[in-house]
Protein backbone atom coordinates (compact mmCIF):
# COMPACT_ATOMS: atom_id res chain seq x y z
CA UNK A 1 -0.09 0.10 0.09
CA UNK A 2 0.94 3.86 -0.19
CA UNK A 3 1.87 5.80 2.41
CA UNK A 4 -0.27 8.48 2.91
CA UNK A 5 -3.59 9.14 0.92
CA UNK A 6 -2.42 8.25 -2.37
CA UNK A 7 -1.02 4.50 -3.47
CA UNK A 8 1.65 6.06 -5.94
CA UNK A 9 2.06 9.23 -7.97
CA UNK A 10 4.52 7.76 -10.13
CA UNK A 11 8.38 8.93 -10.13
CA UNK A 12 9.74 11.94 -8.29
CA UNK A 13 9.96 14.52 -10.70
CA UNK A 14 12.45 16.74 -9.13
CA UNK A 15 14.80 13.91 -8.91
CA UNK A 16 14.23 12.85 -12.63
CA UNK A 17 14.85 16.54 -13.70
CA UNK A 18 18.03 16.33 -12.02
CA UNK A 19 18.61 12.66 -13.45
CA UNK A 20 18.24 14.34 -16.78
CA UNK A 21 21.00 16.02 -16.42
CA UNK A 22 23.38 12.83 -15.73
CA UNK A 23 25.05 10.99 -18.15
CA UNK A 24 23.40 8.20 -20.42
CA UNK A 25 25.12 5.08 -18.32
CA UNK A 26 23.45 6.61 -15.21
CA UNK A 27 20.29 7.13 -16.25
CA UNK A 28 20.56 3.46 -17.97
CA UNK A 29 21.57 1.96 -14.73
CA UNK A 30 18.59 3.48 -12.74
CA UNK A 31 16.16 2.25 -15.41
CA UNK A 32 17.62 -1.29 -15.02
CA UNK A 33 17.04 -0.90 -11.36
CA UNK A 34 13.28 -0.21 -11.87
CA UNK A 35 13.02 -3.01 -14.28
CA UNK A 36 14.56 -5.17 -11.40
CA UNK A 37 12.28 -3.64 -8.65
CA UNK A 38 8.89 -4.43 -10.40
CA UNK A 39 10.63 -8.05 -11.32
CA UNK A 40 11.51 -8.69 -7.43
CA UNK A 41 8.12 -7.76 -6.41
CA UNK A 42 6.83 -10.26 -8.75
CA UNK A 43 9.11 -12.95 -7.83
CA UNK A 44 8.21 -12.86 -4.21
CA UNK A 45 7.45 -16.47 -3.12
CA UNK A 46 4.05 -15.77 -1.03
CA UNK A 47 1.18 -14.05 -2.32
CA UNK A 48 1.27 -10.10 -2.80
CA UNK A 49 -1.95 -8.01 -2.58
CA UNK A 50 -2.00 -4.32 -3.63
CA UNK A 51 -4.26 -2.40 -1.46
CA UNK A 52 -4.99 0.57 -3.27
CA UNK A 53 -6.43 3.98 -2.42
CA UNK A 54 -6.27 7.55 -3.97
CA UNK A 55 -4.24 8.08 -7.21
CA UNK A 56 -2.03 5.57 -9.08
CA UNK A 57 0.19 7.24 -12.00
CA UNK A 58 2.80 6.23 -14.20
CA UNK A 59 5.47 3.82 -12.35
CA UNK A 60 2.84 3.25 -9.66
CA UNK A 61 1.15 1.09 -12.40
CA UNK A 62 3.92 -0.99 -12.77
CA UNK A 63 3.57 -2.29 -8.71
CA UNK A 64 -0.20 -2.56 -9.30
CA UNK A 65 0.53 -5.31 -12.36
CA UNK A 66 3.14 -7.31 -10.57
CA UNK A 67 0.77 -7.86 -7.38
CA UNK A 68 -1.03 -11.12 -7.51
CA UNK A 69 -4.17 -9.64 -6.34
CA UNK A 70 -5.14 -6.01 -6.66
CA UNK A 71 -7.93 -4.17 -4.61
CA UNK A 72 -8.82 -0.92 -4.85
CA UNK A 73 -11.07 1.95 -2.93
CA UNK A 74 -13.69 3.09 -5.03
CA UNK A 75 -12.43 6.61 -5.32
CA UNK A 76 -9.13 5.39 -6.72
CA UNK A 77 -8.05 6.34 -10.06
CA UNK A 78 -5.53 5.35 -12.70
CA UNK A 79 -3.18 6.87 -15.50
CA UNK A 80 -0.30 6.01 -17.64
CA UNK A 81 0.60 9.55 -17.50
CA UNK A 82 4.07 9.31 -18.82
CA UNK A 83 3.34 10.52 -22.37
CA UNK A 84 1.79 14.04 -20.59
CA UNK A 85 5.03 14.97 -19.31
CA UNK A 86 7.59 13.71 -22.19
CA UNK A 87 8.29 10.61 -20.77
CA UNK A 88 7.24 6.59 -22.30
CA UNK A 89 5.93 4.30 -19.93
CA UNK A 90 8.90 1.73 -21.11
CA UNK A 91 9.90 -0.37 -18.04
CA UNK A 92 6.36 -0.24 -16.78
CA UNK A 93 5.38 -1.75 -20.33
CA UNK A 94 7.27 -5.17 -19.71
CA UNK A 95 4.49 -5.78 -16.68
CA UNK A 96 1.42 -3.82 -17.61
CA UNK A 97 1.12 -5.36 -20.74
CA UNK A 98 0.89 -8.68 -19.22
CA UNK A 99 -1.85 -7.69 -16.80
CA UNK A 100 -4.16 -5.47 -19.26
CA UNK A 101 -3.58 -6.80 -22.61
CA UNK A 102 -1.83 -5.39 -25.57
CA UNK A 103 -5.12 -3.47 -26.95
CA UNK A 104 -6.03 -1.88 -23.69
CA UNK A 105 -2.24 -0.67 -23.31
CA UNK A 106 -2.48 0.89 -27.05
CA UNK A 107 -5.15 2.73 -25.57
CA UNK A 108 -4.13 3.86 -22.15
CA UNK A 109 -0.60 4.34 -22.99
CA UNK A 110 -1.26 6.76 -25.85
CA UNK A 111 -3.98 8.98 -24.39
CA UNK A 112 -2.60 9.38 -20.74
CA UNK A 113 -6.23 9.40 -19.78
CA UNK A 114 -7.39 9.03 -16.48
CA UNK A 115 -9.73 6.22 -15.80
CA UNK A 116 -11.95 4.95 -12.68
CA UNK A 117 -11.84 1.48 -10.97
CA UNK A 118 -14.91 0.32 -13.22
CA UNK A 119 -12.75 0.76 -16.26
CA UNK A 120 -9.60 -0.73 -14.17
CA UNK A 121 -11.27 -3.66 -13.40
CA UNK A 122 -12.88 -4.11 -16.92
CA UNK A 123 -9.24 -4.00 -18.13
CA UNK A 124 -7.97 -6.46 -15.66
CA UNK A 125 -5.65 -3.87 -14.05
CA UNK A 126 -7.61 -4.67 -10.53
CA UNK A 127 -9.66 -7.46 -9.23
CA UNK A 128 -11.81 -5.96 -7.04
CA UNK A 129 -13.00 -2.49 -5.98
CA UNK A 130 -15.23 -1.42 -2.55
CA UNK A 131 -16.00 1.52 -0.86
CA UNK A 132 -13.15 3.32 0.66
CA UNK A 133 -14.28 2.51 3.96
CA UNK A 134 -14.40 -1.13 3.28
CA UNK A 135 -11.00 -1.36 1.86
CA UNK A 136 -9.39 -2.57 4.95
CA UNK A 137 -11.49 -5.62 5.23
CA UNK A 138 -11.66 -6.80 1.80
CA UNK A 139 -7.97 -6.73 1.54
CA UNK A 140 -8.26 -8.54 5.04
CA UNK A 141 -10.77 -10.89 3.76
CA UNK A 142 -8.24 -12.04 1.12
CA UNK A 143 -5.41 -12.26 3.29
CA UNK A 144 -7.42 -14.58 5.44
CA UNK A 145 -8.52 -16.82 2.60
CA UNK A 146 -4.94 -17.33 1.55
CA UNK A 147 -3.93 -17.91 5.32
CA UNK A 148 -6.39 -20.67 5.21
CA UNK A 149 -4.87 -22.78 2.68
CA UNK A 150 -1.54 -24.91 3.20
CA UNK A 151 1.67 -22.71 3.00
CA UNK A 152 3.87 -24.67 1.05
CA UNK A 153 1.20 -25.62 -1.41
CA UNK A 154 0.57 -21.91 -1.45
CA UNK A 155 4.37 -21.06 -2.50
CA UNK A 156 4.39 -23.93 -4.80
CA UNK A 157 1.37 -22.66 -6.50
CA UNK A 158 3.19 -19.29 -7.17
CA UNK A 159 6.00 -21.31 -8.44
CA UNK A 160 3.34 -22.94 -10.90
CA UNK A 161 1.99 -20.09 -12.03
CA UNK A 162 5.42 -18.49 -13.04
CA UNK A 163 5.90 -20.98 -15.31
CA UNK A 164 2.65 -20.04 -17.43
CA UNK A 165 2.96 -15.78 -17.01
CA UNK A 166 3.37 -14.28 -20.64
CA UNK A 167 7.03 -14.33 -21.85
CA UNK A 168 9.82 -11.61 -20.38
CA UNK A 169 12.92 -11.83 -21.86
CA UNK A 170 16.07 -10.25 -20.87
CA UNK A 171 15.89 -8.19 -24.18
CA UNK A 172 12.85 -6.41 -22.62
CA UNK A 173 14.73 -5.39 -19.30
CA UNK A 174 17.71 -4.00 -21.67
CA UNK A 175 15.50 -2.43 -24.22
CA UNK A 176 12.82 -0.46 -21.92
CA UNK A 177 15.57 0.60 -19.72
CA UNK A 178 17.36 1.99 -22.99
CA UNK A 179 14.08 3.95 -24.29
CA UNK A 180 13.39 5.18 -20.65
CA UNK A 181 16.88 6.38 -20.04
CA UNK A 182 17.33 8.41 -23.51
CA UNK A 183 13.73 9.97 -23.26
CA UNK A 184 14.20 11.07 -19.93
CA UNK A 185 17.32 13.17 -21.05
CA UNK A 186 15.70 14.74 -23.90
CA UNK A 187 14.57 18.10 -24.43
CA UNK A 188 10.41 17.29 -24.20
CA UNK A 189 10.72 15.49 -20.99
CA UNK A 190 12.83 18.58 -19.33
CA UNK A 191 9.95 20.78 -20.81
CA UNK A 192 7.70 18.11 -19.30
CA UNK A 193 9.11 17.95 -15.73
CA UNK A 194 9.48 22.02 -15.74
CA UNK A 195 5.63 22.39 -16.70
CA UNK A 196 4.49 20.17 -14.38
CA UNK A 197 6.51 21.45 -11.43
CA UNK A 198 5.31 24.89 -12.11
CA UNK A 199 1.87 23.87 -12.04
CA UNK A 200 1.65 22.48 -8.70
């Protein structure tokens, strides 16, 4: 879950603005680290549940995508917002496309539109949504369902499911890191960072 009223508003744009001035190699290493972070969450050997409230933007959707179960409060909103500020949902795409499918990605990656829990459930980004004040109880319900099962069997089932998950190659890791690193250093992204930060 996020700390505070939002699940995850995406990357820190002040920090990204500074990173854009760094060498390509530093940006590339940073993008690889982001990929590896998502992959590490996805590979946790026990079930993971995203408890979502408030806004989920950009990279935050990567974290939702790699959890086994995603439950949102009804007032939550979502956006693959990268293109709004001159970035690309590059590293996020490797994980999000496997969750929402290619055609949904085409729409939401390109429009950066904000969508609600109804649309998020329809496209498979989240599994359930409830009234905001029922979120804690709904998450606890799923935790209890999992805890009522045999723990080794649950772990082995997660292992089994990894065999069937859509293909994710090392090439995706390197190529998406390159796209993110090079885009983040570009003029359009720098303009986007400044516009967004001035608008606050």
